[in-house]
Amino acid sequence: MRNNQGGVKFGFVLLSVLVLGVSAWFTQAQASELPASTSHVKLNHQKSHN
């Protein structure tokens, strides 16, 4: 039972880290869509037009 509990706790920690990472990436993606965007984003827009 103890091993199982440890596995569940580890899975929960892994899930929280994953959610935090995704939310941080999403926030970054939203921020780069603002008018003050990087040249990297502008390059992506040019690619989608071609």
N, C-alpha and C. Protein backbone atom coordinates (compact mmCIF):
# COMPACT_ATOMS: atom_id res chain seq x y z
N MET A 1 0.83 -1.21 0.00
CA MET A 1 0.00 0.00 0.00
C MET A 1 0.87 1.26 0.00
N ARG A 2 1.97 1.23 0.74
CA ARG A 2 2.81 2.43 0.83
C ARG A 2 3.40 2.78 -0.53
N ASN A 3 3.87 1.78 -1.26
CA ASN A 3 4.43 2.03 -2.58
C ASN A 3 3.38 2.66 -3.50
N ASN A 4 2.15 2.17 -3.42
CA ASN A 4 1.07 2.68 -4.24
C ASN A 4 0.80 4.15 -3.92
N GLN A 5 0.77 4.48 -2.62
CA GLN A 5 0.54 5.86 -2.20
C GLN A 5 1.63 6.78 -2.74
N GLY A 6 2.88 6.31 -2.67
CA GLY A 6 4.00 7.10 -3.17
C GLY A 6 3.86 7.35 -4.67
N GLY A 7 3.43 6.32 -5.39
CA GLY A 7 3.23 6.46 -6.84
C GLY A 7 2.15 7.48 -7.16
N VAL A 8 1.08 7.45 -6.38
CA VAL A 8 -0.02 8.40 -6.60
C VAL A 8 0.47 9.83 -6.33
N LYS A 9 1.23 10.00 -5.24
CA LYS A 9 1.76 11.31 -4.89
C LYS A 9 2.68 11.81 -6.00
N PHE A 10 3.54 10.92 -6.50
CA PHE A 10 4.47 11.28 -7.58
C PHE A 10 3.70 11.68 -8.83
N GLY A 11 2.66 10.94 -9.15
CA GLY A 11 1.83 11.25 -10.31
C GLY A 11 1.16 12.60 -10.16
N PHE A 12 0.71 12.90 -8.95
CA PHE A 12 0.05 14.18 -8.69
C PHE A 12 1.03 15.34 -8.87
N VAL A 13 2.26 15.16 -8.35
CA VAL A 13 3.29 16.19 -8.49
C VAL A 13 3.63 16.38 -9.96
N LEU A 14 3.77 15.27 -10.68
CA LEU A 14 4.08 15.33 -12.11
C LEU A 14 2.98 16.06 -12.86
N LEU A 15 1.73 15.78 -12.52
CA LEU A 15 0.59 16.42 -13.17
C LEU A 15 0.59 17.92 -12.90
N SER A 16 0.84 18.32 -11.65
CA SER A 16 0.86 19.75 -11.31
C SER A 16 1.96 20.47 -12.07
N VAL A 17 3.14 19.86 -12.17
CA VAL A 17 4.25 20.46 -12.90
C VAL A 17 3.88 20.61 -14.38
N LEU A 18 3.23 19.60 -14.92
CA LEU A 18 2.81 19.63 -16.32
C LEU A 18 1.81 20.76 -16.55
N VAL A 19 0.82 20.88 -15.66
CA VAL A 19 -0.20 21.92 -15.79
C VAL A 19 0.45 23.30 -15.68
N LEU A 20 1.38 23.46 -14.73
CA LEU A 20 2.08 24.74 -14.58
C LEU A 20 2.86 25.07 -15.84
N GLY A 21 3.54 24.09 -16.40
CA GLY A 21 4.33 24.31 -17.61
C GLY A 21 3.45 24.70 -18.78
N VAL A 22 2.31 24.01 -18.93
CA VAL A 22 1.40 24.32 -20.04
C VAL A 22 0.81 25.72 -19.88
N SER A 23 0.41 26.07 -18.66
CA SER A 23 -0.18 27.39 -18.43
C SER A 23 0.86 28.49 -18.67
N ALA A 24 2.11 28.24 -18.27
CA ALA A 24 3.18 29.22 -18.51
C ALA A 24 3.43 29.37 -20.00
N TRP A 25 3.44 28.25 -20.72
CA TRP A 25 3.64 28.29 -22.17
C TRP A 25 2.49 29.02 -22.84
N PHE A 26 1.26 28.77 -22.38
CA PHE A 26 0.08 29.41 -22.95
C PHE A 26 0.12 30.92 -22.72
N THR A 27 0.54 31.33 -21.51
CA THR A 27 0.66 32.76 -21.20
C THR A 27 1.70 33.40 -22.10
N GLN A 28 2.81 32.71 -22.32
CA GLN A 28 3.88 33.21 -23.18
C GLN A 28 3.38 33.33 -24.62
N ALA A 29 2.62 32.34 -25.08
CA ALA A 29 2.08 32.35 -26.44
C ALA A 29 1.11 33.51 -26.61
N GLN A 30 0.29 33.77 -25.59
CA GLN A 30 -0.65 34.89 -25.63
C GLN A 30 0.10 36.21 -25.67
N ALA A 31 1.15 36.34 -24.86
CA ALA A 31 1.92 37.58 -24.78
C ALA A 31 2.60 37.87 -26.12
N SER A 32 3.07 36.83 -26.82
CA SER A 32 3.78 37.03 -28.09
C SER A 32 2.81 37.39 -29.21
N GLU A 33 1.49 37.26 -28.96
CA GLU A 33 0.51 37.64 -29.98
C GLU A 33 0.18 39.12 -29.92
N LEU A 34 0.67 39.81 -28.90
CA LEU A 34 0.43 41.25 -28.77
C LEU A 34 1.20 42.01 -29.85
N PRO A 35 0.77 43.27 -30.16
CA PRO A 35 1.44 44.07 -31.21
C PRO A 35 2.95 44.15 -31.01
N ALA A 36 3.41 44.24 -29.76
CA ALA A 36 4.86 44.28 -29.49
C ALA A 36 5.42 42.87 -29.53
N SER A 37 5.25 42.20 -30.67
CA SER A 37 5.67 40.81 -30.80
C SER A 37 7.11 40.71 -31.28
N THR A 38 7.68 39.53 -31.15
CA THR A 38 9.06 39.30 -31.57
C THR A 38 9.11 39.05 -33.07
N SER A 39 10.28 39.18 -33.66
CA SER A 39 10.44 38.93 -35.09
C SER A 39 10.15 37.46 -35.40
N HIS A 40 10.35 36.61 -34.41
CA HIS A 40 10.10 35.17 -34.55
C HIS A 40 8.63 34.93 -34.92
N VAL A 41 7.72 35.66 -34.25
CA VAL A 41 6.29 35.49 -34.52
C VAL A 41 5.96 36.05 -35.90
N LYS A 42 6.56 37.18 -36.27
CA LYS A 42 6.31 37.76 -37.58
C LYS A 42 6.76 36.80 -38.69
N LEU A 43 7.87 36.11 -38.47
CA LEU A 43 8.35 35.12 -39.44
C LEU A 43 7.31 34.01 -39.61
N ASN A 44 6.72 33.59 -38.50
CA ASN A 44 5.69 32.55 -38.56
C ASN A 44 4.49 33.02 -39.37
N HIS A 45 4.09 34.28 -39.20
CA HIS A 45 2.97 34.81 -39.96
C HIS A 45 3.27 34.84 -41.44
N GLN A 46 4.50 35.21 -41.80
CA GLN A 46 4.89 35.24 -43.21
C GLN A 46 4.83 33.84 -43.79
N LYS A 47 5.28 32.85 -43.02
CA LYS A 47 5.27 31.45 -43.50
C LYS A 47 3.84 31.00 -43.80
N SER A 48 2.90 31.36 -42.92
CA SER A 48 1.52 30.91 -43.12
C SER A 48 0.89 31.59 -44.33
N HIS A 49 1.34 32.79 -44.69
CA HIS A 49 0.80 33.47 -45.87
C HIS A 49 1.30 32.84 -47.15
N ASN A 50 2.55 32.33 -47.15
CA ASN A 50 3.12 31.75 -48.39
C ASN A 50 2.60 30.38 -48.72
